[in-house]
Protein backbone atom coordinates (compact mmCIF):
# COMPACT_ATOMS: atom_id res chain seq x y z
CA UNK A 1 25.68 -33.26 -25.10
CA UNK A 2 26.36 -30.78 -22.02
CA UNK A 3 25.50 -27.29 -23.89
CA UNK A 4 22.12 -29.23 -24.94
CA UNK A 5 21.55 -29.56 -21.23
CA UNK A 6 22.68 -26.37 -20.09
CA UNK A 7 20.21 -24.78 -22.87
CA UNK A 8 17.31 -26.88 -21.81
CA UNK A 9 17.72 -25.82 -18.11
CA UNK A 10 17.98 -22.14 -18.72
CA UNK A 11 15.12 -22.49 -20.90
CA UNK A 12 12.80 -24.40 -18.00
CA UNK A 13 14.50 -21.36 -15.39
CA UNK A 14 13.20 -18.53 -17.50
CA UNK A 15 9.86 -20.33 -18.07
CA UNK A 16 9.91 -20.92 -14.48
CA UNK A 17 10.67 -17.17 -13.37
CA UNK A 18 7.97 -15.81 -16.05
CA UNK A 19 5.34 -18.32 -14.43
CA UNK A 20 6.18 -16.87 -10.90
CA UNK A 21 5.95 -13.63 -11.94
CA UNK A 22 3.01 -13.98 -14.01
CA UNK A 23 1.47 -15.25 -10.43
CA UNK A 24 2.80 -12.85 -8.07
CA UNK A 25 1.54 -9.84 -10.80
CA UNK A 26 -1.79 -9.62 -8.84
CA UNK A 27 -0.65 -9.14 -5.02
CA UNK A 28 2.56 -7.14 -5.83
CA UNK A 29 0.35 -4.69 -7.68
CA UNK A 30 -2.29 -4.93 -4.69
CA UNK A 31 0.70 -4.04 -2.29
CA UNK A 32 1.55 -1.39 -4.31
CA UNK A 33 -1.57 0.54 -4.37
CA UNK A 34 -2.10 -0.03 -0.55
CA UNK A 35 1.22 1.69 -0.07
CA UNK A 36 0.67 4.42 -2.16
CA UNK A 37 -2.56 5.19 -0.62
CA UNK A 38 -0.96 4.96 2.58
CA UNK A 39 1.25 7.61 1.95
CA UNK A 40 -1.99 9.46 0.57
CA UNK A 41 -3.07 8.94 3.69
CA UNK A 42 -0.30 10.44 5.60
CA UNK A 43 -0.03 13.57 3.58
CA UNK A 44 -4.11 13.99 4.06
CA UNK A 45 -3.67 13.63 7.96
CA UNK A 46 -0.79 16.14 7.83
CA UNK A 47 -2.69 18.49 6.46
CA UNK A 48 -6.03 18.00 8.46
CA UNK A 49 -3.88 18.06 11.38
CA UNK A 50 -2.31 21.20 10.30
CA UNK A 51 -5.85 22.75 9.58
CA UNK A 52 -7.65 21.26 12.30
CA UNK A 53 -5.22 22.51 15.25
CA UNK A 54 -6.97 25.85 14.97
CA UNK A 55 -10.13 24.22 16.50
CA UNK A 56 -8.27 21.89 18.56
CA UNK A 57 -8.43 18.56 16.87
CA UNK A 58 -6.04 16.41 16.27
CA UNK A 59 -5.67 12.44 14.82
CA UNK A 60 -2.52 10.85 15.51
CA UNK A 61 -0.52 9.87 12.32
CA UNK A 62 0.16 6.46 12.23
CA UNK A 63 0.51 3.52 9.67
CA UNK A 64 -2.82 2.30 10.54
CA UNK A 65 -4.56 5.62 10.55
CA UNK A 66 -2.95 6.22 7.06
CA UNK A 67 -4.00 3.37 5.34
CA UNK A 68 -7.57 3.86 6.64
CA UNK A 69 -7.63 7.42 5.44
CA UNK A 70 -5.77 6.41 2.02
CA UNK A 71 -8.36 3.75 1.33
CA UNK A 72 -11.43 4.96 2.61
CA UNK A 73 -10.74 9.04 1.90
CA UNK A 74 -12.64 11.45 3.85
CA UNK A 75 -15.15 8.99 5.23
CA UNK A 76 -11.91 7.49 7.17
CA UNK A 77 -11.02 10.39 8.52
CA UNK A 78 -14.46 11.38 9.74
CA UNK A 79 -14.59 7.67 11.07
CA UNK A 80 -11.20 8.56 13.03
CA UNK A 81 -12.47 11.44 14.19
CA UNK A 82 -15.48 9.69 15.56
CA UNK A 83 -13.20 7.03 17.26
CA UNK A 84 -11.04 9.28 18.89
CA UNK A 85 -14.02 11.18 20.40
CA UNK A 86 -15.33 8.43 21.92
């Protein structure tokens, strides 16, 4: 009888774990995508700052700037430049 209860508890646990992973799949995917875009934004800002040093322009490399650049791309860099020049 105890073996049946253990098997039943294990089946319920596995089912609940599967449901939890299915529910969290979307948000985890979104967070991972945002993280990858932020990394790409860091790289883009680094390259931009390297090339823009010749004309005395610079955008500080922060997490917020990296996310803006990673999500918006080139318009994000233009937005950051305009905000910095104001």
